[in-house]
Amino acid sequence: MLLLDALKDIVKHTHSLGFIEMVKLIGTATDAKIEAIDADKTVVLYGELYQPIKDIQTTVGLSRLALLKGFIDLHGKSTVTIESELRGSTTMPTEIKFDDGAGDVAAYRFMSDTMANEQIKVPPFKGAIWNVTLKPEKERIDRLSSYQGVLGGSEKRFLVSTKNDVLNFAIGSGPTERSNLPFARGIAGSLKHQWSWPLTQVLSIIKLNDNEDVTMHFSDMGAMKIDIDSGIGKYSYILPASKA
């Protein structure tokens, strides 16, 4: 796997969402795992690339993700390498170097393992029983996005419920302006409770489905999981719910 492809994939599934500011990358000789959490603790991300990243066999942090994206965009045809330094008796990856071979060079510095572990504290996920699972259709995602455009200024969350074999998303409630969207039909399983989730964050994640495999899971225990397979890696976004 090319390093540039791996970096593009990580940035796409973190920074491009608009709410993840830092990423922890845990590398070994056999794998590359990704962990992140947004500042409001509404979304926790666990990911894993299908192949390890050469020269990263420790934990590093990715901050200033907008800067990293900028270097990636500018150096799409450059040679990209991991630079390391000897710290004590250990060789540690310290930066990503972009070099076009003609003097146009840029460097992106990693957070150290100590700083990454201090600033990116991702809680372990203990699992859940998933009562409803589905693959969202693009037309339904677009419809939900349209409702956000109308109601999102005043309504930041949406309610999820089931009726018969229909999964419903409701924005707004009571005597105010509101909508109800049958988001999926013919579902198996049901939800006994109504839970709410942040509309912007959920939409940002599921909008990645244009060219990717996306699966949504809902639990009556009060959790949502969105799994995305990009072909380069798998990303699982866990979103705790709030009571309706």
C-alpha atoms as a PDB file:
ATOM      1  CA  MET A   1       0.000   0.000   0.000  1.00  0.00           C
ATOM      2  CA  LEU A   2       1.329   3.439  -0.929  1.00  0.00           C
ATOM      3  CA  LEU A   3       1.876   5.779   2.002  1.00  0.00           C
ATOM      4  CA  LEU A   4       0.110   8.625   0.208  1.00  0.00           C
ATOM      5  CA  ASP A   5      -3.015   6.476  -0.338  1.00  0.00           C
ATOM      6  CA  ALA A   6      -3.084   5.553   3.349  1.00  0.00           C
ATOM      7  CA  LEU A   7      -2.760   9.197   4.407  1.00  0.00           C
ATOM      8  CA  LYS A   8      -5.525  10.282   2.027  1.00  0.00           C
ATOM      9  CA  ASP A   9      -7.814   7.588   3.411  1.00  0.00           C
ATOM     10  CA  ILE A  10      -7.163   8.544   7.035  1.00  0.00           C
ATOM     11  CA  VAL A  11      -7.703  12.250   6.366  1.00  0.00           C
ATOM     12  CA  LYS A  12     -10.907  11.569   4.419  1.00  0.00           C
ATOM     13  CA  HIS A  13     -12.429   9.568   7.267  1.00  0.00           C
ATOM     14  CA  THR A  14     -11.395  12.014  10.010  1.00  0.00           C
ATOM     15  CA  HIS A  15     -10.610  15.606   9.072  1.00  0.00           C
ATOM     16  CA  SER A  16     -13.066  15.796   6.154  1.00  0.00           C
ATOM     17  CA  LEU A  17     -15.980  15.064   8.500  1.00  0.00           C
ATOM     18  CA  GLY A  18     -15.505  18.479  10.088  1.00  0.00           C
ATOM     19  CA  PHE A  19     -15.408  17.506  13.757  1.00  0.00           C
ATOM     20  CA  ILE A  20     -12.326  15.307  14.343  1.00  0.00           C
ATOM     21  CA  GLU A  21      -9.241  17.380  15.118  1.00  0.00           C
ATOM     22  CA  MET A  22      -6.627  14.796  16.131  1.00  0.00           C
ATOM     23  CA  VAL A  23      -5.948  11.140  15.318  1.00  0.00           C
ATOM     24  CA  LYS A  24      -3.918   8.488  17.078  1.00  0.00           C
ATOM     25  CA  LEU A  25      -2.149   6.063  14.743  1.00  0.00           C
ATOM     26  CA  ILE A  26      -0.987   2.833  16.390  1.00  0.00           C
ATOM     27  CA  GLY A  27       1.383   0.987  14.112  1.00  0.00           C
ATOM     28  CA  THR A  28       3.085  -2.389  14.306  1.00  0.00           C
ATOM     29  CA  ALA A  29       4.865  -4.592  11.794  1.00  0.00           C
ATOM     30  CA  THR A  30       1.549  -6.252  10.949  1.00  0.00           C
ATOM     31  CA  ASP A  31      -1.171  -3.623  11.292  1.00  0.00           C
ATOM     32  CA  ALA A  32      -2.102   0.053  11.547  1.00  0.00           C
ATOM     33  CA  LYS A  33      -4.930   1.028  13.887  1.00  0.00           C
ATOM     34  CA  ILE A  34      -6.629   4.401  14.121  1.00  0.00           C
ATOM     35  CA  GLU A  35      -8.361   5.976  17.105  1.00  0.00           C
ATOM     36  CA  ALA A  36     -10.037   9.367  17.462  1.00  0.00           C
ATOM     37  CA  ILE A  37     -12.699  11.194  19.440  1.00  0.00           C
ATOM     38  CA  ASP A  38     -14.290  14.561  18.758  1.00  0.00           C
ATOM     39  CA  ALA A  39     -14.028  17.435  21.243  1.00  0.00           C
ATOM     40  CA  ASP A  40     -17.661  17.037  22.388  1.00  0.00           C
ATOM     41  CA  LYS A  41     -17.266  13.274  22.859  1.00  0.00           C
ATOM     42  CA  THR A  42     -20.232  12.589  20.589  1.00  0.00           C
ATOM     43  CA  VAL A  43     -18.298  10.341  18.169  1.00  0.00           C
ATOM     44  CA  VAL A  44     -15.610   7.751  18.882  1.00  0.00           C
ATOM     45  CA  LEU A  45     -13.679   6.271  15.957  1.00  0.00           C
ATOM     46  CA  TYR A  46     -11.898   2.929  15.797  1.00  0.00           C
ATOM     47  CA  GLY A  47     -10.271   2.056  12.486  1.00  0.00           C
ATOM     48  CA  GLU A  48      -7.769  -0.319  10.985  1.00  0.00           C
ATOM     49  CA  LEU A  49      -5.985  -0.274   7.635  1.00  0.00           C
ATOM     50  CA  TYR A  50      -5.756  -3.512   5.719  1.00  0.00           C
ATOM     51  CA  GLN A  51      -1.983  -3.212   5.510  1.00  0.00           C
ATOM     52  CA  PRO A  52       0.579  -1.770   7.938  1.00  0.00           C
ATOM     53  CA  ILE A  53       2.344   1.512   7.239  1.00  0.00           C
ATOM     54  CA  LYS A  54       6.018   0.930   6.650  1.00  0.00           C
ATOM     55  CA  ASP A  55       8.293   2.672   9.155  1.00  0.00           C
ATOM     56  CA  ILE A  56       5.520   3.311  11.697  1.00  0.00           C
ATOM     57  CA  GLN A  57       5.761   0.598  14.333  1.00  0.00           C
ATOM     58  CA  THR A  58       4.807   2.690  17.322  1.00  0.00           C
ATOM     59  CA  THR A  59       2.131   5.202  18.340  1.00  0.00           C
ATOM     60  CA  VAL A  60       2.127   8.650  16.757  1.00  0.00           C
ATOM     61  CA  GLY A  61      -0.406  11.457  16.697  1.00  0.00           C
ATOM     62  CA  LEU A  62      -1.777  13.416  13.769  1.00  0.00           C
ATOM     63  CA  SER A  63      -2.782  16.954  14.711  1.00  0.00           C
ATOM     64  CA  ARG A  64      -3.175  20.025  12.470  1.00  0.00           C
ATOM     65  CA  LEU A  65      -5.024  17.777  10.030  1.00  0.00           C
ATOM     66  CA  ALA A  66      -5.884  20.675   7.747  1.00  0.00           C
ATOM     67  CA  LEU A  67      -2.158  21.233   7.239  1.00  0.00           C
ATOM     68  CA  LEU A  68      -1.622  17.552   6.450  1.00  0.00           C
ATOM     69  CA  LYS A  69      -4.451  17.638   3.911  1.00  0.00           C
ATOM     70  CA  GLY A  70      -2.932  20.711   2.336  1.00  0.00           C
ATOM     71  CA  PHE A  71       0.427  18.989   1.868  1.00  0.00           C
ATOM     72  CA  ILE A  72      -1.307  15.918   0.429  1.00  0.00           C
ATOM     73  CA  ASP A  73      -3.229  18.056  -2.068  1.00  0.00           C
ATOM     74  CA  LEU A  74      -0.079  19.941  -3.121  1.00  0.00           C
ATOM     75  CA  HIS A  75       2.101  16.838  -3.423  1.00  0.00           C
ATOM     76  CA  GLY A  76      -0.157  14.329  -5.153  1.00  0.00           C
ATOM     77  CA  LYS A  77       2.699  13.254  -7.439  1.00  0.00           C
ATOM     78  CA  SER A  78       5.587  13.640  -5.014  1.00  0.00           C
ATOM     79  CA  THR A  79       7.549  10.946  -3.216  1.00  0.00           C
ATOM     80  CA  VAL A  80       6.211  10.557   0.332  1.00  0.00           C
ATOM     81  CA  THR A  81       8.361   8.991   3.064  1.00  0.00           C
ATOM     82  CA  ILE A  82       8.486   8.632   6.834  1.00  0.00           C
ATOM     83  CA  GLU A  83      11.477  10.337   8.439  1.00  0.00           C
ATOM     84  CA  SER A  84      12.821   9.075  11.779  1.00  0.00           C
ATOM     85  CA  GLU A  85      15.174  10.230  14.527  1.00  0.00           C
ATOM     86  CA  LEU A  86      17.203   8.344  17.104  1.00  0.00           C
ATOM     87  CA  ARG A  87      15.879   9.150  20.577  1.00  0.00           C
ATOM     88  CA  GLY A  88      18.026   7.503  23.179  1.00  0.00           C
ATOM     89  CA  SER A  89      18.387   3.963  21.916  1.00  0.00           C
ATOM     90  CA  THR A  90      15.097   3.971  19.984  1.00  0.00           C
ATOM     91  CA  THR A  91      14.443   5.095  16.426  1.00  0.00           C
ATOM     92  CA  MET A  92      11.138   6.984  16.332  1.00  0.00           C
ATOM     93  CA  PRO A  93       9.145   8.244  13.347  1.00  0.00           C
ATOM     94  CA  THR A  94       9.033  12.031  13.568  1.00  0.00           C
ATOM     95  CA  GLU A  95       7.640  13.441  10.325  1.00  0.00           C
ATOM     96  CA  ILE A  96       6.213  12.840   6.870  1.00  0.00           C
ATOM     97  CA  LYS A  97       8.344  14.214   4.056  1.00  0.00           C
ATOM     98  CA  PHE A  98       6.897  15.244   0.685  1.00  0.00           C
ATOM     99  CA  ASP A  99       9.514  15.669  -2.067  1.00  0.00           C
ATOM    100  CA  ASP A 100       8.898  16.248  -5.775  1.00  0.00           C
ATOM    101  CA  GLY A 101      12.557  15.559  -6.587  1.00  0.00           C
ATOM    102  CA  ALA A 102      13.149  19.078  -7.899  1.00  0.00           C
ATOM    103  CA  GLY A 103      13.547  20.958  -4.638  1.00  0.00           C
ATOM    104  CA  ASP A 104       9.866  21.355  -3.751  1.00  0.00           C
ATOM    105  CA  VAL A 105       9.794  19.789  -0.280  1.00  0.00           C
ATOM    106  CA  ALA A 106       7.382  19.885   2.681  1.00  0.00           C
ATOM    107  CA  ALA A 107       7.460  18.238   6.109  1.00  0.00           C
ATOM    108  CA  TYR A 108       4.598  17.367   8.463  1.00  0.00           C
ATOM    109  CA  ARG A 109       5.548  16.629  12.078  1.00  0.00           C
ATOM    110  CA  PHE A 110       3.960  13.841  14.129  1.00  0.00           C
ATOM    111  CA  MET A 111       2.861  14.216  17.711  1.00  0.00           C
ATOM    112  CA  SER A 112       5.020  12.012  19.930  1.00  0.00           C
ATOM    113  CA  ASP A 113       3.567   8.851  21.417  1.00  0.00           C
ATOM    114  CA  THR A 114       3.496  10.484  24.867  1.00  0.00           C
ATOM    115  CA  MET A 115       1.615  13.542  23.642  1.00  0.00           C
ATOM    116  CA  ALA A 116      -0.748  11.464  21.513  1.00  0.00           C
ATOM    117  CA  ASN A 117      -1.671   9.244  24.458  1.00  0.00           C
ATOM    118  CA  GLU A 118      -2.191  12.275  26.695  1.00  0.00           C
ATOM    119  CA  GLN A 119      -4.314  14.290  24.289  1.00  0.00           C
ATOM    120  CA  ILE A 120      -6.242  11.578  22.421  1.00  0.00           C
ATOM    121  CA  LYS A 121      -7.888   9.439  25.080  1.00  0.00           C
ATOM    122  CA  VAL A 122     -10.304   7.088  23.366  1.00  0.00           C
ATOM    123  CA  PRO A 123     -12.402   4.927  25.712  1.00  0.00           C
ATOM    124  CA  PRO A 124     -12.672   1.205  24.954  1.00  0.00           C
ATOM    125  CA  PHE A 125     -15.920   0.075  23.353  1.00  0.00           C
ATOM    126  CA  LYS A 126     -17.501  -2.711  25.402  1.00  0.00           C
ATOM    127  CA  GLY A 127     -19.881  -3.821  22.680  1.00  0.00           C
ATOM    128  CA  ALA A 128     -23.653  -3.720  22.281  1.00  0.00           C
ATOM    129  CA  ILE A 129     -26.584  -5.735  20.982  1.00  0.00           C
ATOM    130  CA  TRP A 130     -27.494  -4.307  17.581  1.00  0.00           C
ATOM    131  CA  ASN A 131     -31.265  -4.487  17.187  1.00  0.00           C
ATOM    132  CA  VAL A 132     -31.493  -2.928  13.715  1.00  0.00           C
ATOM    133  CA  THR A 133     -28.874  -3.100  10.952  1.00  0.00           C
ATOM    134  CA  LEU A 134     -29.139  -1.623   7.457  1.00  0.00           C
ATOM    135  CA  LYS A 135     -27.224  -0.245   4.505  1.00  0.00           C
ATOM    136  CA  PRO A 136     -28.498   3.292   3.865  1.00  0.00           C
ATOM    137  CA  GLU A 137     -29.652   4.227   0.385  1.00  0.00           C
ATOM    138  CA  LYS A 138     -28.174   7.352  -1.172  1.00  0.00           C
ATOM    139  CA  GLU A 139     -31.613   8.751  -1.992  1.00  0.00           C
ATOM    140  CA  ARG A 140     -32.615   8.552   1.685  1.00  0.00           C
ATOM    141  CA  ILE A 141     -29.338  10.142   2.779  1.00  0.00           C
ATOM    142  CA  ASP A 142     -29.902  12.999   0.337  1.00  0.00           C
ATOM    143  CA  ARG A 143     -33.443  13.438   1.641  1.00  0.00           C
ATOM    144  CA  LEU A 144     -32.216  13.593   5.246  1.00  0.00           C
ATOM    145  CA  SER A 145     -29.612  16.137   4.181  1.00  0.00           C
ATOM    146  CA  SER A 146     -32.343  18.255   2.587  1.00  0.00           C
ATOM    147  CA  TYR A 147     -34.331  18.213   5.828  1.00  0.00           C
ATOM    148  CA  GLN A 148     -31.218  19.291   7.702  1.00  0.00           C
ATOM    149  CA  GLY A 149     -30.967  22.252   5.337  1.00  0.00           C
ATOM    150  CA  VAL A 150     -34.498  23.283   6.305  1.00  0.00           C
ATOM    151  CA  LEU A 151     -34.570  22.457  10.027  1.00  0.00           C
ATOM    152  CA  GLY A 152     -30.905  22.206  11.001  1.00  0.00           C
ATOM    153  CA  GLY A 153     -30.676  25.822  12.131  1.00  0.00           C
ATOM    154  CA  SER A 154     -32.906  25.113  15.119  1.00  0.00           C
ATOM    155  CA  GLU A 155     -32.845  21.330  15.432  1.00  0.00           C
ATOM    156  CA  LYS A 156     -29.432  19.758  16.098  1.00  0.00           C
ATOM    157  CA  ARG A 157     -30.559  16.199  16.812  1.00  0.00           C
ATOM    158  CA  PHE A 158     -32.932  13.653  15.313  1.00  0.00           C
ATOM    159  CA  LEU A 159     -35.024  10.871  16.841  1.00  0.00           C
ATOM    160  CA  VAL A 160     -34.886   7.266  15.670  1.00  0.00           C
ATOM    161  CA  SER A 161     -37.787   4.850  16.038  1.00  0.00           C
ATOM    162  CA  THR A 162     -39.300   1.826  14.346  1.00  0.00           C
ATOM    163  CA  LYS A 163     -42.875   1.073  13.353  1.00  0.00           C
ATOM    164  CA  ASN A 164     -43.641  -2.309  11.853  1.00  0.00           C
ATOM    165  CA  ASP A 165     -40.748  -2.817   9.412  1.00  0.00           C
ATOM    166  CA  VAL A 166     -39.947   0.891   8.917  1.00  0.00           C
ATOM    167  CA  LEU A 167     -37.061   2.826  10.488  1.00  0.00           C
ATOM    168  CA  ASN A 168     -38.084   6.458  10.981  1.00  0.00           C
ATOM    169  CA  PHE A 169     -35.924   9.550  11.490  1.00  0.00           C
ATOM    170  CA  ALA A 170     -37.762  12.522  13.041  1.00  0.00           C
ATOM    171  CA  ILE A 171     -36.375  16.062  13.218  1.00  0.00           C
ATOM    172  CA  GLY A 172     -38.204  18.356  15.622  1.00  0.00           C
ATOM    173  CA  SER A 173     -41.074  17.436  17.935  1.00  0.00           C
ATOM    174  CA  GLY A 174     -44.078  18.858  19.750  1.00  0.00           C
ATOM    175  CA  PRO A 175     -45.831  21.972  18.416  1.00  0.00           C
ATOM    176  CA  THR A 176     -42.770  23.267  16.529  1.00  0.00           C
ATOM    177  CA  GLU A 177     -41.887  22.738  12.865  1.00  0.00           C
ATOM    178  CA  ARG A 178     -40.916  19.106  12.361  1.00  0.00           C
ATOM    179  CA  SER A 179     -40.499  16.299   9.859  1.00  0.00           C
ATOM    180  CA  ASN A 180     -40.595  12.523   9.821  1.00  0.00           C
ATOM    181  CA  LEU A 181     -38.594  10.587   7.239  1.00  0.00           C
ATOM    182  CA  PRO A 182     -39.089   6.851   6.603  1.00  0.00           C
ATOM    183  CA  PHE A 183     -35.366   6.216   6.267  1.00  0.00           C
ATOM    184  CA  ALA A 184     -35.482   2.473   5.595  1.00  0.00           C
ATOM    185  CA  ARG A 185     -38.249  -0.042   4.885  1.00  0.00           C
ATOM    186  CA  GLY A 186     -38.310  -3.793   5.219  1.00  0.00           C
ATOM    187  CA  ILE A 187     -35.972  -3.801   8.208  1.00  0.00           C
ATOM    188  CA  ALA A 188     -35.527  -6.768  10.507  1.00  0.00           C
ATOM    189  CA  GLY A 189     -35.650  -6.063  14.221  1.00  0.00           C
ATOM    190  CA  SER A 190     -37.121  -3.156  16.136  1.00  0.00           C
ATOM    191  CA  LEU A 191     -36.355  -0.499  18.731  1.00  0.00           C
ATOM    192  CA  LYS A 192     -38.435  -0.289  21.895  1.00  0.00           C
ATOM    193  CA  HIS A 193     -37.052   3.093  22.924  1.00  0.00           C
ATOM    194  CA  GLN A 194     -36.707   6.399  21.133  1.00  0.00           C
ATOM    195  CA  TRP A 195     -33.145   7.696  21.124  1.00  0.00           C
ATOM    196  CA  SER A 196     -31.684  10.861  19.631  1.00  0.00           C
ATOM    197  CA  TRP A 197     -28.379  11.451  17.837  1.00  0.00           C
ATOM    198  CA  PRO A 198     -26.533  14.525  16.485  1.00  0.00           C
ATOM    199  CA  LEU A 199     -27.736  15.213  12.958  1.00  0.00           C
ATOM    200  CA  THR A 200     -24.641  16.916  11.548  1.00  0.00           C
ATOM    201  CA  GLN A 201     -22.202  14.255  12.700  1.00  0.00           C
ATOM    202  CA  VAL A 202     -24.299  11.324  11.497  1.00  0.00           C
ATOM    203  CA  LEU A 203     -24.890  12.913   8.106  1.00  0.00           C
ATOM    204  CA  SER A 204     -21.198  13.735   7.661  1.00  0.00           C
ATOM    205  CA  ILE A 205     -20.306  10.090   8.213  1.00  0.00           C
ATOM    206  CA  ILE A 206     -22.983   8.423   6.091  1.00  0.00           C
ATOM    207  CA  LYS A 207     -22.418  10.863   3.218  1.00  0.00           C
ATOM    208  CA  LEU A 208     -19.145   9.018   2.664  1.00  0.00           C
ATOM    209  CA  ASN A 209     -21.198   6.201   1.127  1.00  0.00           C
ATOM    210  CA  ASP A 210     -20.981   7.386  -2.512  1.00  0.00           C
ATOM    211  CA  ASN A 211     -18.106   5.037  -3.298  1.00  0.00           C
ATOM    212  CA  GLU A 212     -17.869   3.036  -0.091  1.00  0.00           C
ATOM    213  CA  ASP A 213     -19.558   0.241   1.822  1.00  0.00           C
ATOM    214  CA  VAL A 214     -21.562   1.783   4.701  1.00  0.00           C
ATOM    215  CA  THR A 215     -23.583  -0.092   7.338  1.00  0.00           C
ATOM    216  CA  MET A 216     -25.586   1.468  10.169  1.00  0.00           C
ATOM    217  CA  HIS A 217     -26.345  -0.369  13.417  1.00  0.00           C
ATOM    218  CA  PHE A 218     -28.797   0.769  16.112  1.00  0.00           C
ATOM    219  CA  SER A 219     -28.999  -0.559  19.654  1.00  0.00           C
ATOM    220  CA  ASP A 220     -31.811  -0.245  22.183  1.00  0.00           C
ATOM    221  CA  MET A 221     -29.000   0.103  24.705  1.00  0.00           C
ATOM    222  CA  GLY A 222     -28.506   3.644  23.375  1.00  0.00           C
ATOM    223  CA  ALA A 223     -25.768   3.439  20.777  1.00  0.00           C
ATOM    224  CA  MET A 224     -25.300   3.746  17.045  1.00  0.00           C
ATOM    225  CA  LYS A 225     -22.410   2.258  15.077  1.00  0.00           C
ATOM    226  CA  ILE A 226     -21.583   3.218  11.511  1.00  0.00           C
ATOM    227  CA  ASP A 227     -19.149   0.894   9.734  1.00  0.00           C
ATOM    228  CA  ILE A 228     -17.367   2.066   6.604  1.00  0.00           C
ATOM    229  CA  ASP A 229     -15.149  -0.052   4.373  1.00  0.00           C
ATOM    230  CA  SER A 230     -13.082   2.148   2.081  1.00  0.00           C
ATOM    231  CA  GLY A 231     -11.167  -0.672   0.428  1.00  0.00           C
ATOM    232  CA  ILE A 232      -8.012   0.600   2.160  1.00  0.00           C
ATOM    233  CA  GLY A 233      -9.314   0.262   5.695  1.00  0.00           C
ATOM    234  CA  LYS A 234     -12.318  -0.257   7.941  1.00  0.00           C
ATOM    235  CA  TYR A 235     -13.672   2.526  10.115  1.00  0.00           C
ATOM    236  CA  SER A 236     -16.219   2.136  12.929  1.00  0.00           C
ATOM    237  CA  TYR A 237     -17.858   5.263  14.352  1.00  0.00           C
ATOM    238  CA  ILE A 238     -19.600   4.812  17.710  1.00  0.00           C
ATOM    239  CA  LEU A 239     -22.161   7.452  18.743  1.00  0.00           C
ATOM    240  CA  PRO A 240     -23.753   7.306  22.209  1.00  0.00           C
ATOM    241  CA  ALA A 241     -27.426   8.283  22.203  1.00  0.00           C
ATOM    242  CA  SER A 242     -29.442  10.658  24.331  1.00  0.00           C
ATOM    243  CA  LYS A 243     -32.957  10.040  25.547  1.00  0.00           C
ATOM    244  CA  ALA A 244     -35.676  11.457  23.336  1.00  0.00           C
END
